[in-house]
Each structure stands twice: as C-alpha cells, then as structure tokens.
PDB file of all heavy atoms in Angstrom:
ATOM      1  N   GLY A   1       5.029  -2.333   3.711  1.00  0.00           N
ATOM      2  CA  GLY A   1       6.256  -2.810   3.134  1.00  0.00           C
ATOM      3  C   GLY A   1       7.251  -3.538   3.977  1.00  0.00           C
ATOM      4  O   GLY A   1       8.277  -4.100   3.650  1.00  0.00           O
ATOM      5  N   GLN A   2       7.086  -3.410   5.425  1.00  0.00           N
ATOM      6  CA  GLN A   2       7.881  -4.084   6.395  1.00  0.00           C
ATOM      7  C   GLN A   2       7.213  -5.392   6.859  1.00  0.00           C
ATOM      8  O   GLN A   2       6.018  -5.493   6.795  1.00  0.00           O
ATOM      9  CB  GLN A   2       8.060  -3.299   7.623  1.00  0.00           C
ATOM     10  CG  GLN A   2       8.724  -1.857   7.318  1.00  0.00           C
ATOM     11  CD  GLN A   2       8.859  -1.159   8.671  1.00  0.00           C
ATOM     12  OE1 GLN A   2       9.691  -1.235   9.471  1.00  0.00           O
ATOM     13  NE2 GLN A   2       7.900  -0.078   8.914  1.00  0.00           N
ATOM     14  N   ALA A   3       8.106  -6.357   7.223  1.00  0.00           N
ATOM     15  CA  ALA A   3       7.540  -7.635   7.693  1.00  0.00           C
ATOM     16  C   ALA A   3       8.383  -8.102   8.849  1.00  0.00           C
ATOM     17  O   ALA A   3       9.593  -7.923   8.947  1.00  0.00           O
ATOM     18  CB  ALA A   3       7.535  -8.688   6.584  1.00  0.00           C
ATOM     19  N   LEU A   4       7.727  -8.935   9.718  1.00  0.00           N
ATOM     20  CA  LEU A   4       8.473  -9.643  10.811  1.00  0.00           C
ATOM     21  C   LEU A   4       7.662 -10.861  11.197  1.00  0.00           C
ATOM     22  O   LEU A   4       6.537 -11.112  10.820  1.00  0.00           O
ATOM     23  CB  LEU A   4       8.607  -8.633  12.035  1.00  0.00           C
ATOM     24  CG  LEU A   4       7.335  -7.948  12.574  1.00  0.00           C
ATOM     25  CD1 LEU A   4       6.471  -8.925  13.477  1.00  0.00           C
ATOM     26  CD2 LEU A   4       7.797  -6.849  13.582  1.00  0.00           C
ATOM     27  N   THR A   5       8.322 -11.712  11.918  1.00  0.00           N
ATOM     28  CA  THR A   5       7.882 -12.988  12.417  1.00  0.00           C
ATOM     29  C   THR A   5       7.257 -12.853  13.736  1.00  0.00           C
ATOM     30  O   THR A   5       7.845 -12.306  14.725  1.00  0.00           O
ATOM     31  CB  THR A   5       8.924 -14.012  12.416  1.00  0.00           C
ATOM     32  OG1 THR A   5       9.476 -14.124  11.057  1.00  0.00           O
ATOM     33  CG2 THR A   5       8.544 -15.441  12.832  1.00  0.00           C
ATOM     34  N   LEU A   6       6.211 -13.470  14.017  1.00  0.00           N
ATOM     35  CA  LEU A   6       5.530 -13.540  15.323  1.00  0.00           C
ATOM     36  C   LEU A   6       5.618 -14.967  15.930  1.00  0.00           C
ATOM     37  O   LEU A   6       5.892 -15.892  15.097  1.00  0.00           O
ATOM     38  CB  LEU A   6       3.974 -13.193  15.096  1.00  0.00           C
ATOM     39  CG  LEU A   6       3.584 -11.892  14.469  1.00  0.00           C
ATOM     40  CD1 LEU A   6       2.071 -11.832  14.327  1.00  0.00           C
ATOM     41  CD2 LEU A   6       4.026 -10.714  15.289  1.00  0.00           C
ATOM     42  N   THR A   7       5.329 -15.109  17.152  1.00  0.00           N
ATOM     43  CA  THR A   7       5.157 -16.380  17.738  1.00  0.00           C
ATOM     44  C   THR A   7       3.709 -16.840  17.463  1.00  0.00           C
ATOM     45  O   THR A   7       2.878 -16.090  17.106  1.00  0.00           O
ATOM     46  CB  THR A   7       5.416 -16.359  19.250  1.00  0.00           C
ATOM     47  OG1 THR A   7       4.429 -15.518  19.854  1.00  0.00           O
ATOM     48  CG2 THR A   7       6.826 -15.704  19.593  1.00  0.00           C
ATOM     49  N   LYS A   8       3.362 -18.063  17.738  1.00  0.00           N
ATOM     50  CA  LYS A   8       2.120 -18.597  17.577  1.00  0.00           C
ATOM     51  C   LYS A   8       1.193 -17.873  18.471  1.00  0.00           C
ATOM     52  O   LYS A   8      -0.027 -17.551  18.047  1.00  0.00           O
ATOM     53  CB  LYS A   8       2.122 -20.084  17.829  1.00  0.00           C
ATOM     54  CG  LYS A   8       0.617 -20.772  17.502  1.00  0.00           C
ATOM     55  CD  LYS A   8       0.732 -22.232  17.705  1.00  0.00           C
ATOM     56  CE  LYS A   8      -0.551 -22.856  17.356  1.00  0.00           C
ATOM     57  NZ  LYS A   8      -0.663 -24.353  17.583  1.00  0.00           N
ATOM     58  N   LYS A   9       1.485 -17.692  19.644  1.00  0.00           N
ATOM     59  CA  LYS A   9       0.578 -16.847  20.584  1.00  0.00           C
ATOM     60  C   LYS A   9       0.291 -15.549  20.107  1.00  0.00           C
ATOM     61  O   LYS A   9      -0.772 -15.002  20.232  1.00  0.00           O
ATOM     62  CB  LYS A   9       1.085 -16.911  22.071  1.00  0.00           C
ATOM     63  CG  LYS A   9       1.418 -18.174  22.660  1.00  0.00           C
ATOM     64  CD  LYS A   9       0.098 -19.024  22.897  1.00  0.00           C
ATOM     65  CE  LYS A   9       0.423 -20.337  23.752  1.00  0.00           C
ATOM     66  NZ  LYS A   9      -0.782 -21.280  23.632  1.00  0.00           N
ATOM     67  N   GLU A  10       1.460 -14.925  19.655  1.00  0.00           N
ATOM     68  CA  GLU A  10       1.167 -13.477  19.174  1.00  0.00           C
ATOM     69  C   GLU A  10       0.240 -13.380  17.865  1.00  0.00           C
ATOM     70  O   GLU A  10      -0.567 -12.552  17.846  1.00  0.00           O
ATOM     71  CB  GLU A  10       2.571 -12.858  18.894  1.00  0.00           C
ATOM     72  CG  GLU A  10       3.376 -12.530  20.020  1.00  0.00           C
ATOM     73  CD  GLU A  10       4.883 -12.285  19.697  1.00  0.00           C
ATOM     74  OE1 GLU A  10       5.303 -12.512  18.569  1.00  0.00           O
ATOM     75  OE2 GLU A  10       5.608 -11.853  20.587  1.00  0.00           O
ATOM     76  N   ALA A  11       0.376 -14.364  17.088  1.00  0.00           N
ATOM     77  CA  ALA A  11      -0.369 -14.494  15.894  1.00  0.00           C
ATOM     78  C   ALA A  11      -1.955 -14.649  16.228  1.00  0.00           C
ATOM     79  O   ALA A  11      -2.762 -14.026  15.666  1.00  0.00           O
ATOM     80  CB  ALA A  11       0.114 -15.545  14.903  1.00  0.00           C
ATOM     81  N   LEU A  12      -2.061 -15.584  17.161  1.00  0.00           N
ATOM     82  CA  LEU A  12      -3.507 -15.889  17.617  1.00  0.00           C
ATOM     83  C   LEU A  12      -4.119 -14.677  18.284  1.00  0.00           C
ATOM     84  O   LEU A  12      -5.291 -14.283  18.065  1.00  0.00           O
ATOM     85  CB  LEU A  12      -3.515 -17.106  18.583  1.00  0.00           C
ATOM     86  CG  LEU A  12      -3.334 -18.350  18.038  1.00  0.00           C
ATOM     87  CD1 LEU A  12      -3.072 -19.462  19.115  1.00  0.00           C
ATOM     88  CD2 LEU A  12      -4.404 -18.774  17.095  1.00  0.00           C
ATOM     89  N   LEU A  13      -3.358 -14.021  19.145  1.00  0.00           N
ATOM     90  CA  LEU A  13      -3.738 -12.673  19.847  1.00  0.00           C
ATOM     91  C   LEU A  13      -4.158 -11.587  18.798  1.00  0.00           C
ATOM     92  O   LEU A  13      -5.256 -11.114  18.832  1.00  0.00           O
ATOM     93  CB  LEU A  13      -2.650 -12.358  20.794  1.00  0.00           C
ATOM     94  CG  LEU A  13      -2.891 -10.939  21.533  1.00  0.00           C
ATOM     95  CD1 LEU A  13      -4.276 -11.058  22.281  1.00  0.00           C
ATOM     96  CD2 LEU A  13      -1.664 -10.750  22.401  1.00  0.00           C
ATOM     97  N   LEU A  14      -3.283 -11.408  17.905  1.00  0.00           N
ATOM     98  CA  LEU A  14      -3.428 -10.362  16.880  1.00  0.00           C
ATOM     99  C   LEU A  14      -4.640 -10.716  16.000  1.00  0.00           C
ATOM    100  O   LEU A  14      -5.417  -9.816  15.555  1.00  0.00           O
ATOM    101  CB  LEU A  14      -2.240 -10.098  16.098  1.00  0.00           C
ATOM    102  CG  LEU A  14      -2.217  -8.854  15.084  1.00  0.00           C
ATOM    103  CD1 LEU A  14      -2.558  -7.567  15.994  1.00  0.00           C
ATOM    104  CD2 LEU A  14      -0.966  -8.763  14.434  1.00  0.00           C
ATOM    105  N   GLU A  15      -4.771 -12.049  15.642  1.00  0.00           N
ATOM    106  CA  GLU A  15      -5.872 -12.331  14.806  1.00  0.00           C
ATOM    107  C   GLU A  15      -7.211 -12.072  15.420  1.00  0.00           C
ATOM    108  O   GLU A  15      -8.173 -11.449  14.817  1.00  0.00           O
ATOM    109  CB  GLU A  15      -5.882 -13.912  14.500  1.00  0.00           C
ATOM    110  CG  GLU A  15      -6.961 -14.410  13.619  1.00  0.00           C
ATOM    111  CD  GLU A  15      -6.970 -15.893  13.375  1.00  0.00           C
ATOM    112  OE1 GLU A  15      -5.857 -16.448  13.634  1.00  0.00           O
ATOM    113  OE2 GLU A  15      -7.983 -16.510  13.035  1.00  0.00           O
ATOM    114  N   SER A  16      -7.452 -12.368  16.660  1.00  0.00           N
ATOM    115  CA  SER A  16      -8.694 -12.006  17.527  1.00  0.00           C
ATOM    116  C   SER A  16      -8.891 -10.558  17.528  1.00  0.00           C
ATOM    117  O   SER A  16      -9.930 -10.050  17.330  1.00  0.00           O
ATOM    118  CB  SER A  16      -8.448 -12.565  18.965  1.00  0.00           C
ATOM    119  OG  SER A  16      -8.368 -14.022  18.895  1.00  0.00           O
ATOM    120  N   LEU A  17      -7.850  -9.711  17.671  1.00  0.00           N
ATOM    121  CA  LEU A  17      -7.966  -8.152  17.830  1.00  0.00           C
ATOM    122  C   LEU A  17      -8.307  -7.652  16.448  1.00  0.00           C
ATOM    123  O   LEU A  17      -9.268  -6.789  16.372  1.00  0.00           O
ATOM    124  CB  LEU A  17      -6.745  -7.648  18.310  1.00  0.00           C
ATOM    125  CG  LEU A  17      -6.272  -7.875  19.737  1.00  0.00           C
ATOM    126  CD1 LEU A  17      -4.852  -7.410  20.024  1.00  0.00           C
ATOM    127  CD2 LEU A  17      -7.229  -7.294  20.771  1.00  0.00           C
ATOM    128  N   ILE A  18      -7.850  -8.258  15.397  1.00  0.00           N
ATOM    129  CA  ILE A  18      -8.122  -7.735  14.032  1.00  0.00           C
ATOM    130  C   ILE A  18      -9.579  -8.061  13.708  1.00  0.00           C
ATOM    131  O   ILE A  18     -10.317  -7.260  13.156  1.00  0.00           O
ATOM    132  CB  ILE A  18      -7.187  -8.174  12.933  1.00  0.00           C
ATOM    133  CG1 ILE A  18      -5.787  -7.568  13.165  1.00  0.00           C
ATOM    134  CG2 ILE A  18      -7.656  -7.882  11.544  1.00  0.00           C
ATOM    135  CD1 ILE A  18      -4.708  -8.080  12.292  1.00  0.00           C
ATOM    136  N   ARG A  19      -9.899  -9.271  13.895  1.00  0.00           N
ATOM    137  CA  ARG A  19     -11.251  -9.804  13.574  1.00  0.00           C
ATOM    138  C   ARG A  19     -12.353  -9.111  14.253  1.00  0.00           C
ATOM    139  O   ARG A  19     -13.420  -8.819  13.629  1.00  0.00           O
ATOM    140  CB  ARG A  19     -11.350 -11.245  13.791  1.00  0.00           C
ATOM    141  CG  ARG A  19     -10.618 -12.175  12.876  1.00  0.00           C
ATOM    142  CD  ARG A  19     -10.985 -13.671  13.048  1.00  0.00           C
ATOM    143  NE  ARG A  19     -10.226 -14.625  12.151  1.00  0.00           N
ATOM    144  CZ  ARG A  19     -10.648 -14.801  10.866  1.00  0.00           C
ATOM    145  NH1 ARG A  19     -11.585 -14.029  10.325  1.00  0.00           N
ATOM    146  NH2 ARG A  19      -9.887 -15.583  10.082  1.00  0.00           N
ATOM    147  N   LEU A  20     -12.144  -8.720  15.491  1.00  0.00           N
ATOM    148  CA  LEU A  20     -13.267  -8.085  16.270  1.00  0.00           C
ATOM    149  C   LEU A  20     -13.164  -6.570  16.285  1.00  0.00           C
ATOM    150  O   LEU A  20     -13.885  -5.899  16.911  1.00  0.00           O
ATOM    151  CB  LEU A  20     -13.207  -8.772  17.688  1.00  0.00           C
ATOM    152  CG  LEU A  20     -13.717 -10.024  17.799  1.00  0.00           C
ATOM    153  CD1 LEU A  20     -13.554 -10.644  19.290  1.00  0.00           C
ATOM    154  CD2 LEU A  20     -15.108 -10.294  17.242  1.00  0.00           C
ATOM    155  N   TYR A  21     -12.111  -6.005  15.711  1.00  0.00           N
ATOM    156  CA  TYR A  21     -11.980  -4.583  15.516  1.00  0.00           C
ATOM    157  C   TYR A  21     -13.244  -3.969  14.923  1.00  0.00           C
ATOM    158  O   TYR A  21     -13.786  -4.331  14.074  1.00  0.00           O
ATOM    159  CB  TYR A  21     -10.803  -4.118  14.749  1.00  0.00           C
ATOM    160  CG  TYR A  21     -10.614  -2.794  14.471  1.00  0.00           C
ATOM    161  CD1 TYR A  21      -9.942  -1.921  15.460  1.00  0.00           C
ATOM    162  CD2 TYR A  21     -11.157  -2.058  13.481  1.00  0.00           C
ATOM    163  CE1 TYR A  21      -9.852  -0.597  15.475  1.00  0.00           C
ATOM    164  CE2 TYR A  21     -11.093  -0.649  13.252  1.00  0.00           C
ATOM    165  CZ  TYR A  21     -10.391   0.138  14.295  1.00  0.00           C
ATOM    166  OH  TYR A  21     -10.301   1.437  14.147  1.00  0.00           O
ATOM    167  N   PRO A  22     -13.762  -2.856  15.555  1.00  0.00           N
ATOM    168  CA  PRO A  22     -13.233  -1.971  16.592  1.00  0.00           C
ATOM    169  C   PRO A  22     -13.668  -2.391  18.049  1.00  0.00           C
ATOM    170  O   PRO A  22     -13.566  -1.559  19.003  1.00  0.00           O
ATOM    171  CB  PRO A  22     -13.697  -0.598  16.123  1.00  0.00           C
ATOM    172  CG  PRO A  22     -15.085  -0.858  15.651  1.00  0.00           C
ATOM    173  CD  PRO A  22     -14.996  -2.135  14.942  1.00  0.00           C
ATOM    174  N   ASN A  23     -14.246  -3.568  18.186  1.00  0.00           N
ATOM    175  CA  ASN A  23     -14.859  -3.959  19.529  1.00  0.00           C
ATOM    176  C   ASN A  23     -13.679  -4.354  20.459  1.00  0.00           C
ATOM    177  O   ASN A  23     -12.604  -4.783  20.052  1.00  0.00           O
ATOM    178  CB  ASN A  23     -15.836  -5.065  19.266  1.00  0.00           C
ATOM    179  CG  ASN A  23     -17.054  -4.701  18.462  1.00  0.00           C
ATOM    180  OD1 ASN A  23     -17.575  -3.625  18.517  1.00  0.00           O
ATOM    181  ND2 ASN A  23     -17.456  -5.516  17.635  1.00  0.00           N
ATOM    182  N   VAL A  24     -13.916  -4.329  21.743  1.00  0.00           N
ATOM    183  CA  VAL A  24     -13.219  -4.860  22.763  1.00  0.00           C
ATOM    184  C   VAL A  24     -13.219  -6.406  22.806  1.00  0.00           C
ATOM    185  O   VAL A  24     -14.252  -7.009  22.709  1.00  0.00           O
ATOM    186  CB  VAL A  24     -13.533  -4.319  24.096  1.00  0.00           C
ATOM    187  CG1 VAL A  24     -12.678  -4.933  25.219  1.00  0.00           C
ATOM    188  CG2 VAL A  24     -13.516  -2.817  24.244  1.00  0.00           C
ATOM    189  N   VAL A  25     -12.034  -7.068  22.866  1.00  0.00           N
ATOM    190  CA  VAL A  25     -12.002  -8.456  23.049  1.00  0.00           C
ATOM    191  C   VAL A  25     -11.818  -8.818  24.537  1.00  0.00           C
ATOM    192  O   VAL A  25     -10.689  -8.346  25.094  1.00  0.00           O
ATOM    193  CB  VAL A  25     -10.845  -9.146  22.118  1.00  0.00           C
ATOM    194  CG1 VAL A  25     -10.851 -10.663  22.233  1.00  0.00           C
ATOM    195  CG2 VAL A  25     -10.888  -8.603  20.725  1.00  0.00           C
ATOM    196  N   SER A  26     -12.611  -9.528  25.033  1.00  0.00           N
ATOM    197  CA  SER A  26     -12.561  -9.883  26.550  1.00  0.00           C
ATOM    198  C   SER A  26     -11.266 -10.694  26.884  1.00  0.00           C
ATOM    199  O   SER A  26     -10.857 -11.427  26.035  1.00  0.00           O
ATOM    200  CB  SER A  26     -13.782 -10.577  27.066  1.00  0.00           C
ATOM    201  OG  SER A  26     -13.887 -11.851  26.534  1.00  0.00           O
TER     202      SER A  26
END
C-alpha cells in the first residue's frame, strides 16, 4: 500500500534483483 519514486538506475537494479531472485546477480 505504500509507494515511492525510484531513479532510473535504481529501477534497473531492482528489476535485475527481482527477476533473478533467489539467485545472486553478479
């Protein structure tokens, strides 16, 4: 229910971490 704005770099970083979860992203 909470929301906030990310920078473009933060969004790209989090997208990679979510997509590859639970694996380590190099």
